[in-house]
C-alpha atoms as a PDB file:
ATOM      1  CA  UNK A   1      -3.007  16.098   9.615  1.00  0.00           C
ATOM      2  CA  UNK A   2      -2.031  12.697  10.065  1.00  0.00           C
ATOM      3  CA  UNK A   3       0.896  11.356   8.003  1.00  0.00           C
ATOM      4  CA  UNK A   4       0.637   7.855   6.106  1.00  0.00           C
ATOM      5  CA  UNK A   5       2.927   4.954   7.281  1.00  0.00           C
ATOM      6  CA  UNK A   6       6.178   5.180   6.073  1.00  0.00           C
ATOM      7  CA  UNK A   7       5.142   1.926   4.031  1.00  0.00           C
ATOM      8  CA  UNK A   8       2.772   3.584   2.161  1.00  0.00           C
ATOM      9  CA  UNK A   9       4.461   6.959   1.953  1.00  0.00           C
ATOM     10  CA  UNK A  10       7.288   5.026  -0.032  1.00  0.00           C
ATOM     11  CA  UNK A  11       4.790   3.000  -2.146  1.00  0.00           C
ATOM     12  CA  UNK A  12       3.179   6.619  -3.519  1.00  0.00           C
ATOM     13  CA  UNK A  13       6.382   7.443  -4.649  1.00  0.00           C
ATOM     14  CA  UNK A  14       8.066   6.446  -8.089  1.00  0.00           C
ATOM     15  CA  UNK A  15      10.262   4.099  -5.840  1.00  0.00           C
ATOM     16  CA  UNK A  16      12.874   3.273  -9.096  1.00  0.00           C
ATOM     17  CA  UNK A  17      13.105   7.048  -9.562  1.00  0.00           C
ATOM     18  CA  UNK A  18      14.030   7.661  -5.975  1.00  0.00           C
ATOM     19  CA  UNK A  19      16.170   5.388  -5.786  1.00  0.00           C
ATOM     20  CA  UNK A  20      17.951   6.483  -8.577  1.00  0.00           C
ATOM     21  CA  UNK A  21      18.102   9.998  -6.994  1.00  0.00           C
ATOM     22  CA  UNK A  22      19.290   8.676  -3.995  1.00  0.00           C
ATOM     23  CA  UNK A  23      22.074   6.829  -5.443  1.00  0.00           C
ATOM     24  CA  UNK A  24      23.410   9.916  -7.327  1.00  0.00           C
ATOM     25  CA  UNK A  25      23.314  11.900  -4.093  1.00  0.00           C
ATOM     26  CA  UNK A  26      25.146   8.882  -2.114  1.00  0.00           C
ATOM     27  CA  UNK A  27      27.472   9.027  -5.144  1.00  0.00           C
ATOM     28  CA  UNK A  28      28.215  12.639  -4.832  1.00  0.00           C
ATOM     29  CA  UNK A  29      28.653  12.499  -1.081  1.00  0.00           C
ATOM     30  CA  UNK A  30      31.168   9.647  -1.325  1.00  0.00           C
ATOM     31  CA  UNK A  31      33.181  10.802  -4.497  1.00  0.00           C
ATOM     32  CA  UNK A  32      36.582  11.922  -2.773  1.00  0.00           C
ATOM     33  CA  UNK A  33      36.289   8.610  -0.720  1.00  0.00           C
ATOM     34  CA  UNK A  34      37.957   5.546  -2.130  1.00  0.00           C
ATOM     35  CA  UNK A  35      35.973   2.150  -1.586  1.00  0.00           C
ATOM     36  CA  UNK A  36      38.750   0.453   0.343  1.00  0.00           C
ATOM     37  CA  UNK A  37      37.954   3.382   3.098  1.00  0.00           C
ATOM     38  CA  UNK A  38      34.678   2.600   3.050  1.00  0.00           C
ATOM     39  CA  UNK A  39      35.625  -1.216   3.983  1.00  0.00           C
ATOM     40  CA  UNK A  40      33.752  -2.355   0.871  1.00  0.00           C
ATOM     41  CA  UNK A  41      30.608  -0.281   1.569  1.00  0.00           C
ATOM     42  CA  UNK A  42      29.310   1.363  -2.097  1.00  0.00           C
ATOM     43  CA  UNK A  43      26.628   3.999  -2.441  1.00  0.00           C
ATOM     44  CA  UNK A  44      24.163   2.123  -3.335  1.00  0.00           C
ATOM     45  CA  UNK A  45      24.311   0.012   0.418  1.00  0.00           C
ATOM     46  CA  UNK A  46      23.776   3.338   1.636  1.00  0.00           C
ATOM     47  CA  UNK A  47      20.591   3.801  -0.110  1.00  0.00           C
ATOM     48  CA  UNK A  48      19.544   0.198   0.416  1.00  0.00           C
ATOM     49  CA  UNK A  49      20.276   0.477   4.021  1.00  0.00           C
ATOM     50  CA  UNK A  50      18.342   3.870   4.342  1.00  0.00           C
ATOM     51  CA  UNK A  51      15.025   2.360   2.959  1.00  0.00           C
ATOM     52  CA  UNK A  52      15.403  -0.475   5.029  1.00  0.00           C
ATOM     53  CA  UNK A  53      15.513   1.486   8.179  1.00  0.00           C
ATOM     54  CA  UNK A  54      12.801   3.506   7.303  1.00  0.00           C
ATOM     55  CA  UNK A  55      10.603   0.313   6.647  1.00  0.00           C
ATOM     56  CA  UNK A  56      11.721  -1.325   9.812  1.00  0.00           C
ATOM     57  CA  UNK A  57      11.246   1.888  11.611  1.00  0.00           C
ATOM     58  CA  UNK A  58      14.438   2.622  13.248  1.00  0.00           C
ATOM     59  CA  UNK A  59      14.212   5.705  11.167  1.00  0.00           C
ATOM     60  CA  UNK A  60      11.021   6.688  12.049  1.00  0.00           C
ATOM     61  CA  UNK A  61       8.996   8.021   9.399  1.00  0.00           C
ATOM     62  CA  UNK A  62       6.074   8.550  11.601  1.00  0.00           C
ATOM     63  CA  UNK A  63       7.546  10.624  14.405  1.00  0.00           C
ATOM     64  CA  UNK A  64       9.775  12.560  12.180  1.00  0.00           C
ATOM     65  CA  UNK A  65       8.475  16.413  11.892  1.00  0.00           C
ATOM     66  CA  UNK A  66       9.386  16.105   8.023  1.00  0.00           C
ATOM     67  CA  UNK A  67       6.279  15.707   5.987  1.00  0.00           C
ATOM     68  CA  UNK A  68       7.950  14.986   2.789  1.00  0.00           C
ATOM     69  CA  UNK A  69       9.381  11.719   2.463  1.00  0.00           C
ATOM     70  CA  UNK A  70      11.570  12.506  -0.163  1.00  0.00           C
ATOM     71  CA  UNK A  71      13.366  15.039   1.927  1.00  0.00           C
ATOM     72  CA  UNK A  72      13.084  12.351   4.599  1.00  0.00           C
ATOM     73  CA  UNK A  73      14.993   9.866   2.732  1.00  0.00           C
ATOM     74  CA  UNK A  74      17.634  11.959   1.343  1.00  0.00           C
ATOM     75  CA  UNK A  75      18.233  13.773   5.221  1.00  0.00           C
ATOM     76  CA  UNK A  76      18.439  10.323   6.246  1.00  0.00           C
ATOM     77  CA  UNK A  77      21.256   8.957   3.627  1.00  0.00           C
ATOM     78  CA  UNK A  78      22.859  12.025   4.379  1.00  0.00           C
ATOM     79  CA  UNK A  79      22.984  10.834   8.202  1.00  0.00           C
ATOM     80  CA  UNK A  80      23.743   7.119   7.609  1.00  0.00           C
ATOM     81  CA  UNK A  81      27.071   8.393   5.187  1.00  0.00           C
ATOM     82  CA  UNK A  82      27.930  10.777   8.010  1.00  0.00           C
ATOM     83  CA  UNK A  83      27.276   8.470  10.950  1.00  0.00           C
ATOM     84  CA  UNK A  84      29.350   5.631   8.997  1.00  0.00           C
ATOM     85  CA  UNK A  85      32.207   8.221   8.379  1.00  0.00           C
ATOM     86  CA  UNK A  86      32.524   9.284  11.974  1.00  0.00           C
ATOM     87  CA  UNK A  87      32.632   5.681  12.990  1.00  0.00           C
ATOM     88  CA  UNK A  88      35.605   4.976  10.784  1.00  0.00           C
ATOM     89  CA  UNK A  89      37.440   8.435  11.798  1.00  0.00           C
ATOM     90  CA  UNK A  90      36.853   7.121  15.362  1.00  0.00           C
ATOM     91  CA  UNK A  91      38.595   3.961  14.495  1.00  0.00           C
ATOM     92  CA  UNK A  92      41.434   5.712  13.075  1.00  0.00           C
ATOM     93  CA  UNK A  93      40.705   4.950   9.394  1.00  0.00           C
ATOM     94  CA  UNK A  94      41.762   8.138   7.263  1.00  0.00           C
ATOM     95  CA  UNK A  95      38.744   9.667   5.324  1.00  0.00           C
ATOM     96  CA  UNK A  96      39.549  11.977   2.623  1.00  0.00           C
ATOM     97  CA  UNK A  97      36.251  13.393   2.082  1.00  0.00           C
ATOM     98  CA  UNK A  98      35.725  16.943   3.217  1.00  0.00           C
ATOM     99  CA  UNK A  99      32.789  16.943   6.181  1.00  0.00           C
ATOM    100  CA  UNK A 100      31.351  20.274   4.598  1.00  0.00           C
ATOM    101  CA  UNK A 101      29.787  18.082   1.800  1.00  0.00           C
ATOM    102  CA  UNK A 102      28.036  16.128   4.276  1.00  0.00           C
ATOM    103  CA  UNK A 103      25.599  18.793   5.173  1.00  0.00           C
ATOM    104  CA  UNK A 104      22.070  18.800   4.130  1.00  0.00           C
ATOM    105  CA  UNK A 105      21.222  20.788   1.050  1.00  0.00           C
ATOM    106  CA  UNK A 106      17.640  21.029   0.089  1.00  0.00           C
ATOM    107  CA  UNK A 107      16.959  24.086  -1.763  1.00  0.00           C
ATOM    108  CA  UNK A 108      15.608  22.649  -5.047  1.00  0.00           C
END
């Protein structure tokens, strides 16, 4: 069975509802991190960046083994946040968030 393209899969979702869900998820993941620690990035910025990366193919939905677009977006969002925090830590910027909070949890 072939998956739809990322663009078609996104269109099939109720995008505003998905964005609200992803914003809540990003805010939760970043709840213990101060904005100044993120160098101006906010939860909504991570959501927009994730969606753009899916649309431009940087996060390749078509090659992913994940068959649910929402789960793919949520995991991609977690990855974006985690990668950004790791990048900041490599630059010796202190982050107060616990790495445990960045693990995937999709048992809903």
